[in-house]
Amino acid sequence: MSENTFQKLRDEIENGIVTGEFEPGQRLDETQLATRYGVSRTPIREALMQLSAIGLVEIRPRRGAVIVDPGPHYVLEMFDVMAELEGMAGALAARRHTAEDRTALETAHAACEAAAARDDTDAYYYENEQFHHAIYAASQSAFLKEQCIALHRRLRPYRRLQLRVRNRMKVSLQEHAGIVAAILDGNEDSARRQLRDHIAVQGDRFSDLVANMERLRSRTAGQG
């Protein structure tokens, strides 16, 4: 199985968990998932291990992978911390970026523009990930980069869903342009503020999405 195919498989399971297709506390059976997605159990097992690493499932003895519900407030708390970490990375990047970092940022931003021009939200998500990683690298802080990547990974499914909100991709790209300009101009305060706001907006939109999902689940339960 290619890396892209595996990535798509993992993302589909992620989406099923985040949108409520798979319920909190539900056991994810490897054989059933393999049949559902038309793959062997090996990539399913690897996908579940990766989802365990970001806290979406818990691998339990004799039960296997069980879905964990962190709760909306916990997720929003993660967004709050992510906003502060990204703001710090942006400020440091504005002060410390090298010529290679400049090239990496401009290349990543151009790739995001290309994905947005195709109106491809999935492609934009992955290019967006590289864009943020370029900022972490430009901070020249190995520890901060490590922490940013770890939390970014935990928020991955929620950030991807945010890009499917109407006009969010267009707005995200506009925000990227301002962030790149601030970093490359060496404006630490602006880079910190813009990156913090960039992530905080996603958190606010996610809270609205959670409210809508809860209403839909309540309506479905009432019809059962």
C-alpha atoms as a PDB file:
ATOM      1  CA  MET A   1       0.000   0.000   0.000  1.00  0.00           C
ATOM      2  CA  SER A   2       1.376   3.413  -0.973  1.00  0.00           C
ATOM      3  CA  GLU A   3       1.819   6.177   1.592  1.00  0.00           C
ATOM      4  CA  ASN A   4      -0.936   8.263  -0.011  1.00  0.00           C
ATOM      5  CA  THR A   5      -3.376   5.337   0.033  1.00  0.00           C
ATOM      6  CA  PHE A   6      -2.582   4.614   3.676  1.00  0.00           C
ATOM      7  CA  GLN A   7      -2.975   8.305   4.520  1.00  0.00           C
ATOM      8  CA  LYS A   8      -6.415   8.324   2.911  1.00  0.00           C
ATOM      9  CA  LEU A   9      -7.423   5.207   4.865  1.00  0.00           C
ATOM     10  CA  ARG A  10      -6.332   6.727   8.167  1.00  0.00           C
ATOM     11  CA  ASP A  11      -8.093   9.994   7.338  1.00  0.00           C
ATOM     12  CA  GLU A  12     -11.363   8.196   6.573  1.00  0.00           C
ATOM     13  CA  ILE A  13     -11.291   6.440   9.942  1.00  0.00           C
ATOM     14  CA  GLU A  14     -10.401   9.757  11.620  1.00  0.00           C
ATOM     15  CA  ASN A  15     -13.324  11.486   9.954  1.00  0.00           C
ATOM     16  CA  GLY A  16     -15.674   8.715  11.031  1.00  0.00           C
ATOM     17  CA  ILE A  17     -14.631   9.214  14.647  1.00  0.00           C
ATOM     18  CA  VAL A  18     -14.774  13.017  14.653  1.00  0.00           C
ATOM     19  CA  THR A  19     -18.138  13.260  12.878  1.00  0.00           C
ATOM     20  CA  GLY A  20     -19.770  10.635  15.100  1.00  0.00           C
ATOM     21  CA  GLU A  21     -20.067   7.876  12.521  1.00  0.00           C
ATOM     22  CA  PHE A  22     -18.184   5.753  15.053  1.00  0.00           C
ATOM     23  CA  GLU A  23     -19.462   6.309  18.590  1.00  0.00           C
ATOM     24  CA  PRO A  24     -17.346   7.095  21.684  1.00  0.00           C
ATOM     25  CA  GLY A  25     -16.580   3.878  23.554  1.00  0.00           C
ATOM     26  CA  GLN A  26     -17.134   1.767  20.457  1.00  0.00           C
ATOM     27  CA  ARG A  27     -14.628  -0.992  19.758  1.00  0.00           C
ATOM     28  CA  LEU A  28     -13.109  -0.757  16.276  1.00  0.00           C
ATOM     29  CA  ASP A  29     -12.823  -4.295  14.984  1.00  0.00           C
ATOM     30  CA  GLU A  30      -9.857  -4.732  12.638  1.00  0.00           C
ATOM     31  CA  THR A  31     -11.551  -7.413  10.535  1.00  0.00           C
ATOM     32  CA  GLN A  32     -14.725  -5.379  10.061  1.00  0.00           C
ATOM     33  CA  LEU A  33     -12.761  -2.267   9.154  1.00  0.00           C
ATOM     34  CA  ALA A  34     -10.620  -4.240   6.703  1.00  0.00           C
ATOM     35  CA  THR A  35     -13.767  -5.506   4.981  1.00  0.00           C
ATOM     36  CA  ARG A  36     -15.340  -2.060   4.994  1.00  0.00           C
ATOM     37  CA  TYR A  37     -12.364  -0.340   3.362  1.00  0.00           C
ATOM     38  CA  GLY A  38     -11.285  -3.241   1.173  1.00  0.00           C
ATOM     39  CA  VAL A  39      -7.812  -3.644   2.646  1.00  0.00           C
ATOM     40  CA  SER A  40      -5.926  -6.172   4.763  1.00  0.00           C
ATOM     41  CA  ARG A  41      -5.784  -5.964   8.545  1.00  0.00           C
ATOM     42  CA  THR A  42      -2.156  -4.779   8.531  1.00  0.00           C
ATOM     43  CA  PRO A  43      -2.795  -1.161   7.372  1.00  0.00           C
ATOM     44  CA  ILE A  44      -5.889  -1.047   9.600  1.00  0.00           C
ATOM     45  CA  ARG A  45      -3.772  -2.029  12.592  1.00  0.00           C
ATOM     46  CA  GLU A  46      -1.149   0.610  11.699  1.00  0.00           C
ATOM     47  CA  ALA A  47      -3.832   3.279  11.242  1.00  0.00           C
ATOM     48  CA  LEU A  48      -5.325   2.470  14.644  1.00  0.00           C
ATOM     49  CA  MET A  49      -1.880   2.687  16.233  1.00  0.00           C
ATOM     50  CA  GLN A  50      -1.422   6.154  14.731  1.00  0.00           C
ATOM     51  CA  LEU A  51      -4.849   7.226  15.941  1.00  0.00           C
ATOM     52  CA  SER A  52      -3.911   5.947  19.376  1.00  0.00           C
ATOM     53  CA  ALA A  53      -0.817   8.173  19.306  1.00  0.00           C
ATOM     54  CA  ILE A  54      -2.977  11.282  18.857  1.00  0.00           C
ATOM     55  CA  GLY A  55      -5.542  10.246  21.464  1.00  0.00           C
ATOM     56  CA  LEU A  56      -8.524   9.376  19.255  1.00  0.00           C
ATOM     57  CA  VAL A  57      -8.485   5.700  20.213  1.00  0.00           C
ATOM     58  CA  GLU A  58      -7.094   3.726  23.107  1.00  0.00           C
ATOM     59  CA  ILE A  59      -5.537   0.297  22.627  1.00  0.00           C
ATOM     60  CA  ARG A  60      -6.824  -1.868  25.484  1.00  0.00           C
ATOM     61  CA  PRO A  61      -5.802  -5.420  26.429  1.00  0.00           C
ATOM     62  CA  ARG A  62      -8.246  -8.024  25.082  1.00  0.00           C
ATOM     63  CA  ARG A  63     -10.502  -5.300  23.646  1.00  0.00           C
ATOM     64  CA  GLY A  64      -8.297  -3.758  20.983  1.00  0.00           C
ATOM     65  CA  ALA A  65      -8.906  -0.210  19.782  1.00  0.00           C
ATOM     66  CA  VAL A  66     -11.677   1.679  21.574  1.00  0.00           C
ATOM     67  CA  ILE A  67     -12.780   5.182  20.577  1.00  0.00           C
ATOM     68  CA  VAL A  68     -11.937   7.902  23.086  1.00  0.00           C
ATOM     69  CA  ASP A  69     -14.095  11.013  23.401  1.00  0.00           C
ATOM     70  CA  PRO A  70     -11.906  13.885  24.642  1.00  0.00           C
ATOM     71  CA  GLY A  71     -14.920  16.199  24.755  1.00  0.00           C
ATOM     72  CA  PRO A  72     -15.290  19.536  22.945  1.00  0.00           C
ATOM     73  CA  HIS A  73     -13.932  21.619  25.800  1.00  0.00           C
ATOM     74  CA  TYR A  74     -10.708  19.604  25.916  1.00  0.00           C
ATOM     75  CA  VAL A  75     -10.294  19.990  22.146  1.00  0.00           C
ATOM     76  CA  LEU A  76     -10.818  23.742  22.385  1.00  0.00           C
ATOM     77  CA  GLU A  77      -8.229  23.883  25.159  1.00  0.00           C
ATOM     78  CA  MET A  78      -5.797  22.194  22.775  1.00  0.00           C
ATOM     79  CA  PHE A  79      -6.578  24.841  20.161  1.00  0.00           C
ATOM     80  CA  ASP A  80      -5.866  27.567  22.733  1.00  0.00           C
ATOM     81  CA  VAL A  81      -2.455  26.083  23.511  1.00  0.00           C
ATOM     82  CA  MET A  82      -1.751  25.510  19.808  1.00  0.00           C
ATOM     83  CA  ALA A  83      -2.476  29.179  19.107  1.00  0.00           C
ATOM     84  CA  GLU A  84       0.086  30.282  21.685  1.00  0.00           C
ATOM     85  CA  LEU A  85       2.723  27.827  20.459  1.00  0.00           C
ATOM     86  CA  GLU A  86       2.228  28.866  16.833  1.00  0.00           C
ATOM     87  CA  GLY A  87       2.394  32.520  17.806  1.00  0.00           C
ATOM     88  CA  MET A  88       5.714  31.911  19.554  1.00  0.00           C
ATOM     89  CA  ALA A  89       7.042  29.989  16.541  1.00  0.00           C
ATOM     90  CA  GLY A  90       6.035  32.832  14.232  1.00  0.00           C
ATOM     91  CA  ALA A  91       7.731  35.465  16.376  1.00  0.00           C
ATOM     92  CA  LEU A  92      10.950  33.453  16.548  1.00  0.00           C
ATOM     93  CA  ALA A  93      10.794  32.743  12.819  1.00  0.00           C
ATOM     94  CA  ALA A  94      10.505  36.469  12.123  1.00  0.00           C
ATOM     95  CA  ARG A  95      13.714  37.045  14.094  1.00  0.00           C
ATOM     96  CA  ARG A  96      15.720  33.979  13.122  1.00  0.00           C
ATOM     97  CA  HIS A  97      14.685  32.784   9.653  1.00  0.00           C
ATOM     98  CA  THR A  98      17.416  32.044   7.120  1.00  0.00           C
ATOM     99  CA  ALA A  99      17.478  32.332   3.347  1.00  0.00           C
ATOM    100  CA  GLU A 100      16.598  28.628   3.167  1.00  0.00           C
ATOM    101  CA  ASP A 101      13.641  29.207   5.502  1.00  0.00           C
ATOM    102  CA  ARG A 102      12.453  32.063   3.285  1.00  0.00           C
ATOM    103  CA  THR A 103      12.487  29.769   0.276  1.00  0.00           C
ATOM    104  CA  ALA A 104      10.700  26.997   2.176  1.00  0.00           C
ATOM    105  CA  LEU A 105       7.958  29.361   3.362  1.00  0.00           C
ATOM    106  CA  GLU A 106       7.414  30.872  -0.069  1.00  0.00           C
ATOM    107  CA  THR A 107       7.332  27.424  -1.673  1.00  0.00           C
ATOM    108  CA  ALA A 108       4.857  26.099   0.896  1.00  0.00           C
ATOM    109  CA  HIS A 109       2.626  29.150   0.480  1.00  0.00           C
ATOM    110  CA  ALA A 110       2.666  28.759  -3.308  1.00  0.00           C
ATOM    111  CA  ALA A 111       1.629  25.107  -2.935  1.00  0.00           C
ATOM    112  CA  CYS A 112      -1.300  26.187  -0.746  1.00  0.00           C
ATOM    113  CA  GLU A 113      -2.302  28.721  -3.400  1.00  0.00           C
ATOM    114  CA  ALA A 114      -2.258  26.022  -6.075  1.00  0.00           C
ATOM    115  CA  ALA A 115      -4.452  23.696  -4.000  1.00  0.00           C
ATOM    116  CA  ALA A 116      -6.899  26.508  -3.235  1.00  0.00           C
ATOM    117  CA  ALA A 117      -7.082  27.423  -6.929  1.00  0.00           C
ATOM    118  CA  ARG A 118      -8.210  23.838  -7.607  1.00  0.00           C
ATOM    119  CA  ASP A 119     -10.702  24.095  -4.732  1.00  0.00           C
ATOM    120  CA  ASP A 120      -9.150  20.899  -3.358  1.00  0.00           C
ATOM    121  CA  THR A 121      -9.640  21.028   0.416  1.00  0.00           C
ATOM    122  CA  ASP A 122      -7.857  17.730   1.076  1.00  0.00           C
ATOM    123  CA  ALA A 123      -4.781  18.802  -0.919  1.00  0.00           C
ATOM    124  CA  TYR A 124      -4.876  22.200   0.770  1.00  0.00           C
ATOM    125  CA  TYR A 125      -4.920  20.519   4.168  1.00  0.00           C
ATOM    126  CA  TYR A 126      -1.683  18.655   3.474  1.00  0.00           C
ATOM    127  CA  GLU A 127       0.003  21.683   1.904  1.00  0.00           C
ATOM    128  CA  ASN A 128      -1.174  23.732   4.870  1.00  0.00           C
ATOM    129  CA  GLU A 129       0.519  21.226   7.167  1.00  0.00           C
ATOM    130  CA  GLN A 130       3.803  21.737   5.305  1.00  0.00           C
ATOM    131  CA  PHE A 131       3.343  25.504   5.529  1.00  0.00           C
ATOM    132  CA  HIS A 132       3.075  25.374   9.313  1.00  0.00           C
ATOM    133  CA  HIS A 133       5.988  22.951   9.554  1.00  0.00           C
ATOM    134  CA  ALA A 134       8.094  25.452   7.598  1.00  0.00           C
ATOM    135  CA  ILE A 135       7.285  28.070  10.242  1.00  0.00           C
ATOM    136  CA  TYR A 136       8.270  25.703  13.041  1.00  0.00           C
ATOM    137  CA  ALA A 137      11.575  24.983  11.307  1.00  0.00           C
ATOM    138  CA  ALA A 138      12.215  28.707  10.773  1.00  0.00           C
ATOM    139  CA  SER A 139      11.892  29.306  14.532  1.00  0.00           C
ATOM    140  CA  GLN A 140      15.281  27.563  14.888  1.00  0.00           C
ATOM    141  CA  SER A 141      14.035  25.982  18.119  1.00  0.00           C
ATOM    142  CA  ALA A 142      14.151  22.208  17.994  1.00  0.00           C
ATOM    143  CA  PHE A 143      12.123  21.837  21.192  1.00  0.00           C
ATOM    144  CA  LEU A 144       9.401  24.253  20.093  1.00  0.00           C
ATOM    145  CA  LYS A 145       9.229  22.559  16.694  1.00  0.00           C
ATOM    146  CA  GLU A 146       8.818  19.186  18.401  1.00  0.00           C
ATOM    147  CA  GLN A 147       5.984  20.443  20.637  1.00  0.00           C
ATOM    148  CA  CYS A 148       4.207  22.201  17.772  1.00  0.00           C
ATOM    149  CA  ILE A 149       4.306  19.119  15.558  1.00  0.00           C
ATOM    150  CA  ALA A 150       3.038  16.871  18.373  1.00  0.00           C
ATOM    151  CA  LEU A 151       0.032  19.088  19.117  1.00  0.00           C
ATOM    152  CA  HIS A 152      -0.582  19.794  15.432  1.00  0.00           C
ATOM    153  CA  ARG A 153      -0.780  16.021  14.933  1.00  0.00           C
ATOM    154  CA  ARG A 154      -3.321  15.645  17.757  1.00  0.00           C
ATOM    155  CA  LEU A 155      -5.515  18.356  16.255  1.00  0.00           C
ATOM    156  CA  ARG A 156      -5.156  17.003  12.716  1.00  0.00           C
ATOM    157  CA  PRO A 157      -8.704  15.662  12.180  1.00  0.00           C
ATOM    158  CA  TYR A 158     -10.334  18.758  13.649  1.00  0.00           C
ATOM    159  CA  ARG A 159      -8.216  21.141  11.583  1.00  0.00           C
ATOM    160  CA  ARG A 160      -9.053  19.207   8.430  1.00  0.00           C
ATOM    161  CA  LEU A 161     -12.777  19.460   9.141  1.00  0.00           C
ATOM    162  CA  GLN A 162     -12.443  23.203   9.626  1.00  0.00           C
ATOM    163  CA  LEU A 163     -11.194  23.625   6.069  1.00  0.00           C
ATOM    164  CA  ARG A 164     -14.493  22.212   4.815  1.00  0.00           C
ATOM    165  CA  VAL A 165     -16.438  25.085   6.319  1.00  0.00           C
ATOM    166  CA  ARG A 166     -17.623  27.409   3.543  1.00  0.00           C
ATOM    167  CA  ASN A 167     -15.001  30.027   2.579  1.00  0.00           C
ATOM    168  CA  ARG A 168     -12.563  28.838   5.269  1.00  0.00           C
ATOM    169  CA  MET A 169      -9.928  27.740   2.743  1.00  0.00           C
ATOM    170  CA  LYS A 170     -10.033  31.147   1.031  1.00  0.00           C
ATOM    171  CA  VAL A 171      -9.774  32.967   4.346  1.00  0.00           C
ATOM    172  CA  SER A 172      -6.980  30.649   5.506  1.00  0.00           C
ATOM    173  CA  LEU A 173      -4.965  31.432   2.380  1.00  0.00           C
ATOM    174  CA  GLN A 174      -5.403  35.168   2.924  1.00  0.00           C
ATOM    175  CA  GLU A 175      -4.190  34.759   6.489  1.00  0.00           C
ATOM    176  CA  HIS A 176      -1.170  32.812   5.241  1.00  0.00           C
ATOM    177  CA  ALA A 177      -0.176  35.718   2.996  1.00  0.00           C
ATOM    178  CA  GLY A 178      -0.163  38.088   5.954  1.00  0.00           C
ATOM    179  CA  ILE A 179       1.798  35.626   8.081  1.00  0.00           C
ATOM    180  CA  VAL A 180       4.460  35.131   5.409  1.00  0.00           C
ATOM    181  CA  ALA A 181       4.823  38.882   4.946  1.00  0.00           C
ATOM    182  CA  ALA A 182       5.213  39.472   8.687  1.00  0.00           C
ATOM    183  CA  ILE A 183       7.816  36.734   9.104  1.00  0.00           C
ATOM    184  CA  LEU A 184       9.881  37.720   6.094  1.00  0.00           C
ATOM    185  CA  ASP A 185       9.718  41.405   7.108  1.00  0.00           C
ATOM    186  CA  GLY A 186      11.035  40.450  10.532  1.00  0.00           C
ATOM    187  CA  ASN A 187       7.924  41.786  12.297  1.00  0.00           C
ATOM    188  CA  GLU A 188       7.803  39.608  15.408  1.00  0.00           C
ATOM    189  CA  ASP A 189       4.703  41.152  16.988  1.00  0.00           C
ATOM    190  CA  SER A 190       2.665  40.926  13.804  1.00  0.00           C
ATOM    191  CA  ALA A 191       3.755  37.342  13.117  1.00  0.00           C
ATOM    192  CA  ARG A 192       2.847  36.297  16.657  1.00  0.00           C
ATOM    193  CA  ARG A 193      -0.552  38.003  16.557  1.00  0.00           C
ATOM    194  CA  GLN A 194      -1.506  36.779  13.098  1.00  0.00           C
ATOM    195  CA  LEU A 195      -0.583  33.164  13.781  1.00  0.00           C
ATOM    196  CA  ARG A 196      -2.366  33.192  17.121  1.00  0.00           C
ATOM    197  CA  ASP A 197      -5.498  34.596  15.485  1.00  0.00           C
ATOM    198  CA  HIS A 198      -5.174  32.136  12.594  1.00  0.00           C
ATOM    199  CA  ILE A 199      -5.472  29.178  14.958  1.00  0.00           C
ATOM    200  CA  ALA A 200      -7.954  30.786  17.363  1.00  0.00           C
ATOM    201  CA  VAL A 201     -10.397  31.320  14.500  1.00  0.00           C
ATOM    202  CA  GLN A 202     -10.293  27.596  13.788  1.00  0.00           C
ATOM    203  CA  GLY A 203     -11.070  26.920  17.445  1.00  0.00           C
ATOM    204  CA  ASP A 204     -14.114  29.199  17.379  1.00  0.00           C
ATOM    205  CA  ARG A 205     -15.406  27.622  14.204  1.00  0.00           C
ATOM    206  CA  PHE A 206     -14.862  24.177  15.658  1.00  0.00           C
ATOM    207  CA  SER A 207     -17.028  25.024  18.665  1.00  0.00           C
ATOM    208  CA  ASP A 208     -19.838  25.965  16.278  1.00  0.00           C
ATOM    209  CA  LEU A 209     -19.335  22.711  14.395  1.00  0.00           C
ATOM    210  CA  VAL A 210     -19.496  20.694  17.619  1.00  0.00           C
ATOM    211  CA  ALA A 211     -22.766  22.409  18.569  1.00  0.00           C
ATOM    212  CA  ASN A 212     -24.257  21.504  15.189  1.00  0.00           C
ATOM    213  CA  MET A 213     -23.045  17.909  15.460  1.00  0.00           C
ATOM    214  CA  GLU A 214     -24.591  17.549  18.914  1.00  0.00           C
ATOM    215  CA  ARG A 215     -27.919  18.841  17.641  1.00  0.00           C
ATOM    216  CA  LEU A 216     -27.820  16.366  14.756  1.00  0.00           C
ATOM    217  CA  ARG A 217     -26.992  13.482  17.082  1.00  0.00           C
ATOM    218  CA  SER A 218     -29.818  14.442  19.444  1.00  0.00           C
ATOM    219  CA  ARG A 219     -32.249  14.613  16.526  1.00  0.00           C
ATOM    220  CA  THR A 220     -31.129  11.193  15.271  1.00  0.00           C
ATOM    221  CA  ALA A 221     -31.499   9.693  18.743  1.00  0.00           C
ATOM    222  CA  GLY A 222     -34.994  11.140  18.981  1.00  0.00           C
ATOM    223  CA  GLN A 223     -35.951   9.459  15.730  1.00  0.00           C
ATOM    224  CA  GLY A 224     -34.616   6.071  16.841  1.00  0.00           C
END
